[in-house]
Amino acid sequence: MEDFARRFRPNLVVEDAGDGALKPFDEFAWCGRDVRFGEVVVRVDEPTIRCPSTRVRYDESGDAGANIDAGARPDVDIRAAFPALEASIFGRDPVALADRGSYFGVYARVVVGGVIRVGDDVALLP
C-alpha cells in the first residue's frame, strides 16, 4: 500500500475486480447498508471524518520528529479534490461532505463474524 493510503490507517482496503464496477468513494453509498467481505458481514454506519493525524508518516525511522511531514495535508487535500462529493451522515439526507470536513473511508461494525481473506468477494447486501 502506498504511503499516502497508509496515512489513513485502513482496516480493510477494497479494490475493483478489474471490471470498472467499483468507483472511488462508492463506499459512501453503502451507509446504512450491510456488506459481506468473505464470511464477515458489516453494517456501514457513516463516512469517516479525517483529522490531522494523517499528516504523520508511518515509517521505520525511529525518530519521532522525522515522522511529521509538514508539507503533507491529506486531510485537507481530500476535501479540496472532491468538493461536490455527497453522502449520508447518521442516516440523514445526503450533504456535501466538503462543507462538513474531510471524509475518506467509512465506519462499519461487525454484524456477522468470521474470516476475511485477501481476494474475497465483496457484496452489497439488500
N, C-alpha and C. Protein backbone atom coordinates (compact mmCIF):
# COMPACT_ATOMS: atom_id res chain seq x y z
N MET A 1 0.86 -1.17 0.00
CA MET A 1 0.00 0.00 0.00
C MET A 1 0.90 1.23 0.00
N GLU A 2 0.59 2.18 -0.83
CA GLU A 2 1.44 3.36 -0.92
C GLU A 2 1.35 4.21 0.34
N ASP A 3 2.36 5.06 0.54
CA ASP A 3 2.47 5.86 1.76
C ASP A 3 1.23 6.71 2.01
N PHE A 4 0.70 7.34 0.96
CA PHE A 4 -0.47 8.20 1.14
C PHE A 4 -1.63 7.42 1.75
N ALA A 5 -1.92 6.24 1.21
CA ALA A 5 -3.03 5.43 1.72
C ALA A 5 -2.76 4.94 3.14
N ARG A 6 -1.51 4.61 3.47
CA ARG A 6 -1.18 4.13 4.82
C ARG A 6 -1.47 5.18 5.87
N ARG A 7 -1.38 6.44 5.51
CA ARG A 7 -1.63 7.51 6.49
C ARG A 7 -3.05 7.46 7.04
N PHE A 8 -3.97 6.88 6.30
CA PHE A 8 -5.36 6.82 6.74
C PHE A 8 -5.65 5.60 7.61
N ARG A 9 -4.66 4.73 7.79
CA ARG A 9 -4.73 3.56 8.66
C ARG A 9 -6.00 2.72 8.46
N PRO A 10 -6.24 2.26 7.24
CA PRO A 10 -7.46 1.47 6.99
C PRO A 10 -7.36 0.07 7.59
N ASN A 11 -8.51 -0.46 7.98
CA ASN A 11 -8.59 -1.85 8.41
C ASN A 11 -8.82 -2.77 7.23
N LEU A 12 -9.59 -2.31 6.26
CA LEU A 12 -9.86 -3.06 5.03
C LEU A 12 -9.67 -2.13 3.85
N VAL A 13 -9.09 -2.65 2.79
CA VAL A 13 -8.96 -1.90 1.54
C VAL A 13 -9.64 -2.72 0.46
N VAL A 14 -10.60 -2.12 -0.22
CA VAL A 14 -11.36 -2.80 -1.26
C VAL A 14 -10.88 -2.30 -2.61
N GLU A 15 -10.54 -3.23 -3.48
CA GLU A 15 -10.12 -2.88 -4.84
C GLU A 15 -11.14 -3.38 -5.84
N ASP A 16 -11.27 -2.67 -6.95
CA ASP A 16 -12.14 -3.07 -8.05
C ASP A 16 -11.64 -4.40 -8.62
N ALA A 17 -12.54 -5.24 -9.06
CA ALA A 17 -12.18 -6.55 -9.61
C ALA A 17 -11.62 -6.45 -11.02
N GLY A 18 -11.48 -5.24 -11.51
CA GLY A 18 -10.95 -5.04 -12.85
C GLY A 18 -12.02 -4.80 -13.90
N ASP A 19 -13.28 -4.83 -13.47
CA ASP A 19 -14.38 -4.63 -14.42
C ASP A 19 -14.89 -3.19 -14.43
N GLY A 20 -14.32 -2.34 -13.59
CA GLY A 20 -14.73 -0.94 -13.56
C GLY A 20 -16.02 -0.68 -12.80
N ALA A 21 -16.58 -1.71 -12.16
CA ALA A 21 -17.85 -1.56 -11.47
C ALA A 21 -17.74 -0.73 -10.19
N LEU A 22 -16.59 -0.76 -9.55
CA LEU A 22 -16.39 -0.03 -8.29
C LEU A 22 -15.62 1.25 -8.56
N LYS A 23 -16.20 2.37 -8.19
CA LYS A 23 -15.59 3.68 -8.41
C LYS A 23 -15.11 4.25 -7.08
N PRO A 24 -14.14 5.17 -7.12
CA PRO A 24 -13.71 5.82 -5.87
C PRO A 24 -14.91 6.45 -5.15
N PHE A 25 -14.93 6.26 -3.86
CA PHE A 25 -15.94 6.81 -2.95
C PHE A 25 -17.31 6.14 -3.08
N ASP A 26 -17.44 5.04 -3.82
CA ASP A 26 -18.70 4.30 -3.85
C ASP A 26 -19.11 3.85 -2.46
N GLU A 27 -18.13 3.66 -1.58
CA GLU A 27 -18.44 3.18 -0.23
C GLU A 27 -19.35 4.14 0.54
N PHE A 28 -19.38 5.41 0.18
CA PHE A 28 -20.27 6.35 0.86
C PHE A 28 -21.74 5.99 0.62
N ALA A 29 -22.04 5.41 -0.53
CA ALA A 29 -23.42 4.98 -0.83
C ALA A 29 -23.79 3.73 -0.04
N TRP A 30 -22.82 3.09 0.61
CA TRP A 30 -23.09 1.91 1.41
C TRP A 30 -23.60 2.27 2.81
N CYS A 31 -23.57 3.54 3.19
CA CYS A 31 -24.00 3.94 4.53
C CYS A 31 -25.44 3.47 4.78
N GLY A 32 -25.63 2.80 5.94
CA GLY A 32 -26.92 2.25 6.30
C GLY A 32 -27.18 0.87 5.72
N ARG A 33 -26.21 0.32 4.99
CA ARG A 33 -26.37 -0.98 4.34
C ARG A 33 -25.42 -2.01 4.95
N ASP A 34 -25.71 -3.29 4.67
CA ASP A 34 -24.82 -4.37 5.08
C ASP A 34 -23.96 -4.79 3.89
N VAL A 35 -22.70 -5.11 4.17
CA VAL A 35 -21.75 -5.52 3.14
C VAL A 35 -21.07 -6.80 3.61
N ARG A 36 -20.97 -7.77 2.70
CA ARG A 36 -20.30 -9.03 3.02
C ARG A 36 -18.87 -9.00 2.47
N PHE A 37 -17.91 -9.32 3.34
CA PHE A 37 -16.50 -9.49 2.98
C PHE A 37 -16.14 -10.93 3.33
N GLY A 38 -16.11 -11.83 2.36
CA GLY A 38 -15.86 -13.23 2.68
C GLY A 38 -16.97 -13.75 3.59
N GLU A 39 -16.62 -14.25 4.78
CA GLU A 39 -17.61 -14.76 5.74
C GLU A 39 -18.23 -13.65 6.58
N VAL A 40 -17.60 -12.50 6.61
CA VAL A 40 -17.98 -11.42 7.53
C VAL A 40 -19.01 -10.49 6.90
N VAL A 41 -19.99 -10.08 7.71
CA VAL A 41 -20.95 -9.06 7.28
C VAL A 41 -20.79 -7.87 8.21
N VAL A 42 -20.65 -6.68 7.61
CA VAL A 42 -20.57 -5.46 8.40
C VAL A 42 -21.71 -4.54 8.01
N ARG A 43 -22.14 -3.70 8.94
CA ARG A 43 -23.11 -2.64 8.67
C ARG A 43 -22.32 -1.34 8.59
N VAL A 44 -22.41 -0.69 7.45
CA VAL A 44 -21.69 0.57 7.24
C VAL A 44 -22.52 1.69 7.85
N ASP A 45 -21.93 2.41 8.80
CA ASP A 45 -22.66 3.42 9.56
C ASP A 45 -22.57 4.82 8.96
N GLU A 46 -21.36 5.29 8.67
CA GLU A 46 -21.20 6.68 8.23
C GLU A 46 -19.82 6.89 7.63
N PRO A 47 -19.65 7.97 6.86
CA PRO A 47 -18.32 8.31 6.35
C PRO A 47 -17.38 8.64 7.51
N THR A 48 -16.11 8.37 7.31
CA THR A 48 -15.09 8.63 8.33
C THR A 48 -14.51 10.02 8.13
N ILE A 49 -14.66 10.87 9.15
CA ILE A 49 -14.05 12.19 9.08
C ILE A 49 -12.57 12.04 9.41
N ARG A 50 -11.73 12.73 8.67
CA ARG A 50 -10.28 12.60 8.84
C ARG A 50 -9.74 13.78 9.64
N CYS A 51 -8.69 13.52 10.39
CA CYS A 51 -8.08 14.54 11.23
C CYS A 51 -6.62 14.75 10.82
N PRO A 52 -5.95 15.71 11.44
CA PRO A 52 -4.55 15.97 11.09
C PRO A 52 -3.58 14.82 11.36
N SER A 53 -4.02 13.76 12.03
CA SER A 53 -3.10 12.63 12.26
C SER A 53 -2.64 12.01 10.95
N THR A 54 -3.36 12.27 9.86
CA THR A 54 -2.94 11.73 8.55
C THR A 54 -1.69 12.42 8.04
N ARG A 55 -1.23 13.44 8.73
CA ARG A 55 -0.01 14.15 8.32
C ARG A 55 1.25 13.46 8.85
N VAL A 56 1.08 12.40 9.62
CA VAL A 56 2.20 11.66 10.19
C VAL A 56 2.61 10.55 9.21
N ARG A 57 3.91 10.45 8.95
CA ARG A 57 4.45 9.36 8.12
C ARG A 57 4.64 8.14 9.01
N TYR A 58 4.20 7.00 8.56
CA TYR A 58 4.40 5.76 9.30
C TYR A 58 5.56 5.01 8.67
N ASP A 59 6.75 5.23 9.21
CA ASP A 59 7.94 4.60 8.65
C ASP A 59 8.78 4.01 9.77
N GLU A 60 9.94 3.56 9.43
CA GLU A 60 10.80 2.87 10.38
C GLU A 60 11.95 3.74 10.88
N SER A 61 11.84 5.06 10.75
CA SER A 61 12.98 5.93 11.06
C SER A 61 13.37 5.89 12.53
N GLY A 62 12.40 5.70 13.42
CA GLY A 62 12.71 5.70 14.85
C GLY A 62 12.83 7.10 15.43
N ASP A 63 12.87 8.11 14.59
CA ASP A 63 12.98 9.50 15.03
C ASP A 63 11.59 10.13 14.98
N ALA A 64 11.02 10.40 16.16
CA ALA A 64 9.66 10.93 16.21
C ALA A 64 9.52 12.22 15.41
N GLY A 65 10.50 13.08 15.47
CA GLY A 65 10.43 14.34 14.73
C GLY A 65 10.45 14.13 13.23
N ALA A 66 11.08 13.06 12.78
CA ALA A 66 11.17 12.79 11.34
C ALA A 66 9.84 12.29 10.79
N ASN A 67 8.93 11.89 11.66
CA ASN A 67 7.67 11.34 11.19
C ASN A 67 6.61 12.39 10.89
N ILE A 68 6.87 13.65 11.22
CA ILE A 68 5.92 14.71 10.91
C ILE A 68 6.27 15.28 9.55
N ASP A 69 5.32 15.23 8.64
CA ASP A 69 5.53 15.72 7.27
C ASP A 69 4.81 17.06 7.15
N ALA A 70 5.53 18.15 7.38
CA ALA A 70 4.93 19.48 7.41
C ALA A 70 4.26 19.85 6.09
N GLY A 71 4.73 19.30 4.98
CA GLY A 71 4.15 19.65 3.69
C GLY A 71 2.93 18.84 3.31
N ALA A 72 2.68 17.75 4.01
CA ALA A 72 1.56 16.87 3.66
C ALA A 72 0.32 17.25 4.43
N ARG A 73 -0.79 17.35 3.73
CA ARG A 73 -2.07 17.64 4.36
C ARG A 73 -3.15 16.78 3.71
N PRO A 74 -3.04 15.44 3.82
CA PRO A 74 -4.03 14.57 3.17
C PRO A 74 -5.45 14.87 3.60
N ASP A 75 -5.64 15.24 4.86
CA ASP A 75 -6.98 15.54 5.35
C ASP A 75 -7.59 16.72 4.61
N VAL A 76 -6.80 17.73 4.31
CA VAL A 76 -7.27 18.91 3.59
C VAL A 76 -7.35 18.63 2.09
N ASP A 77 -6.37 17.91 1.57
CA ASP A 77 -6.32 17.62 0.13
C ASP A 77 -7.54 16.83 -0.33
N ILE A 78 -8.02 15.89 0.47
CA ILE A 78 -9.19 15.10 0.10
C ILE A 78 -10.40 16.01 -0.07
N ARG A 79 -10.61 16.91 0.86
CA ARG A 79 -11.76 17.83 0.79
C ARG A 79 -11.66 18.72 -0.44
N ALA A 80 -10.47 19.24 -0.72
CA ALA A 80 -10.28 20.14 -1.86
C ALA A 80 -10.44 19.41 -3.20
N ALA A 81 -10.03 18.16 -3.25
CA ALA A 81 -10.08 17.41 -4.51
C ALA A 81 -11.49 16.96 -4.89
N PHE A 82 -12.37 16.83 -3.92
CA PHE A 82 -13.72 16.32 -4.19
C PHE A 82 -14.78 17.22 -3.56
N PRO A 83 -14.90 18.48 -4.00
CA PRO A 83 -15.81 19.42 -3.35
C PRO A 83 -17.29 19.07 -3.50
N ALA A 84 -17.67 18.31 -4.53
CA ALA A 84 -19.08 18.02 -4.76
C ALA A 84 -19.52 16.66 -4.21
N LEU A 85 -18.62 15.94 -3.56
CA LEU A 85 -18.93 14.61 -3.05
C LEU A 85 -19.99 14.70 -1.96
N GLU A 86 -21.05 13.88 -2.07
CA GLU A 86 -22.11 13.87 -1.08
C GLU A 86 -22.27 12.49 -0.46
N ALA A 87 -22.73 12.47 0.79
CA ALA A 87 -23.03 11.21 1.46
C ALA A 87 -23.96 11.48 2.62
N SER A 88 -24.58 10.42 3.10
CA SER A 88 -25.46 10.49 4.26
C SER A 88 -24.63 10.33 5.53
N ILE A 89 -24.88 11.17 6.51
CA ILE A 89 -24.21 11.07 7.80
C ILE A 89 -25.27 10.81 8.86
N PHE A 90 -25.10 9.74 9.62
CA PHE A 90 -26.06 9.33 10.65
C PHE A 90 -27.47 9.17 10.09
N GLY A 91 -27.58 8.66 8.86
CA GLY A 91 -28.88 8.36 8.27
C GLY A 91 -29.66 9.57 7.79
N ARG A 92 -29.08 10.73 7.85
CA ARG A 92 -29.77 11.94 7.38
C ARG A 92 -29.66 12.05 5.87
N ASP A 93 -30.36 13.06 5.31
CA ASP A 93 -30.27 13.31 3.88
C ASP A 93 -28.82 13.58 3.50
N PRO A 94 -28.41 13.18 2.29
CA PRO A 94 -27.03 13.42 1.85
C PRO A 94 -26.66 14.91 1.89
N VAL A 95 -25.42 15.16 2.27
CA VAL A 95 -24.89 16.53 2.33
C VAL A 95 -23.56 16.58 1.60
N ALA A 96 -23.15 17.78 1.19
CA ALA A 96 -21.83 17.96 0.59
C ALA A 96 -20.80 17.77 1.69
N LEU A 97 -20.00 16.73 1.60
CA LEU A 97 -19.05 16.40 2.67
C LEU A 97 -18.01 17.50 2.87
N ALA A 98 -17.61 18.19 1.80
CA ALA A 98 -16.61 19.25 1.93
C ALA A 98 -17.10 20.38 2.83
N ASP A 99 -18.43 20.53 2.95
CA ASP A 99 -18.98 21.56 3.84
C ASP A 99 -18.88 21.16 5.30
N ARG A 100 -18.67 19.87 5.57
CA ARG A 100 -18.66 19.35 6.94
C ARG A 100 -17.28 18.98 7.45
N GLY A 101 -16.33 18.76 6.54
CA GLY A 101 -15.00 18.35 6.96
C GLY A 101 -14.34 17.52 5.87
N SER A 102 -13.30 16.79 6.24
CA SER A 102 -12.58 15.94 5.30
C SER A 102 -12.95 14.49 5.56
N TYR A 103 -13.56 13.85 4.59
CA TYR A 103 -14.03 12.48 4.75
C TYR A 103 -13.29 11.55 3.79
N PHE A 104 -12.95 10.36 4.29
CA PHE A 104 -12.27 9.37 3.47
C PHE A 104 -12.48 8.02 4.14
N GLY A 105 -13.16 7.10 3.47
CA GLY A 105 -13.47 5.81 4.07
C GLY A 105 -14.78 5.87 4.84
N VAL A 106 -15.14 4.74 5.45
CA VAL A 106 -16.39 4.66 6.21
C VAL A 106 -16.17 3.90 7.51
N TYR A 107 -17.02 4.20 8.49
CA TYR A 107 -17.07 3.43 9.73
C TYR A 107 -18.07 2.29 9.53
N ALA A 108 -17.74 1.12 10.03
CA ALA A 108 -18.65 -0.02 9.95
C ALA A 108 -18.49 -0.86 11.21
N ARG A 109 -19.52 -1.65 11.51
CA ARG A 109 -19.46 -2.55 12.67
C ARG A 109 -19.80 -3.96 12.22
N VAL A 110 -19.23 -4.92 12.88
CA VAL A 110 -19.43 -6.32 12.52
C VAL A 110 -20.82 -6.77 12.94
N VAL A 111 -21.55 -7.36 12.00
CA VAL A 111 -22.87 -7.93 12.26
C VAL A 111 -22.76 -9.46 12.35
N VAL A 112 -21.95 -10.05 11.47
CA VAL A 112 -21.68 -11.49 11.47
C VAL A 112 -20.16 -11.66 11.41
N GLY A 113 -19.61 -12.31 12.41
CA GLY A 113 -18.16 -12.51 12.46
C GLY A 113 -17.70 -13.62 11.54
N GLY A 114 -16.40 -13.72 11.38
CA GLY A 114 -15.83 -14.76 10.55
C GLY A 114 -14.44 -14.37 10.09
N VAL A 115 -14.04 -14.92 8.96
CA VAL A 115 -12.70 -14.70 8.42
C VAL A 115 -12.81 -13.94 7.10
N ILE A 116 -11.93 -12.97 6.93
CA ILE A 116 -11.79 -12.26 5.65
C ILE A 116 -10.40 -12.60 5.12
N ARG A 117 -10.36 -12.99 3.85
CA ARG A 117 -9.08 -13.34 3.22
C ARG A 117 -8.82 -12.41 2.04
N VAL A 118 -7.56 -12.16 1.76
CA VAL A 118 -7.20 -11.38 0.58
C VAL A 118 -7.82 -12.05 -0.64
N GLY A 119 -8.49 -11.27 -1.46
CA GLY A 119 -9.11 -11.80 -2.66
C GLY A 119 -10.57 -12.19 -2.50
N ASP A 120 -11.11 -12.15 -1.25
CA ASP A 120 -12.52 -12.48 -1.05
C ASP A 120 -13.40 -11.50 -1.82
N ASP A 121 -14.55 -12.01 -2.26
CA ASP A 121 -15.52 -11.14 -2.91
C ASP A 121 -16.15 -10.21 -1.89
N VAL A 122 -16.57 -9.06 -2.37
CA VAL A 122 -17.28 -8.07 -1.57
C VAL A 122 -18.66 -7.92 -2.18
N ALA A 123 -19.71 -8.01 -1.36
CA ALA A 123 -21.08 -7.92 -1.89
C ALA A 123 -21.91 -6.98 -1.04
N LEU A 124 -22.56 -6.04 -1.69
CA LEU A 124 -23.51 -5.15 -1.03
C LEU A 124 -24.81 -5.93 -0.89
N LEU A 125 -25.29 -6.09 0.33
CA LEU A 125 -26.49 -6.91 0.58
C LEU A 125 -27.74 -6.05 0.49
N PRO A 126 -28.87 -6.70 0.16
CA PRO A 126 -30.14 -5.94 0.03
C PRO A 126 -30.61 -5.39 1.36
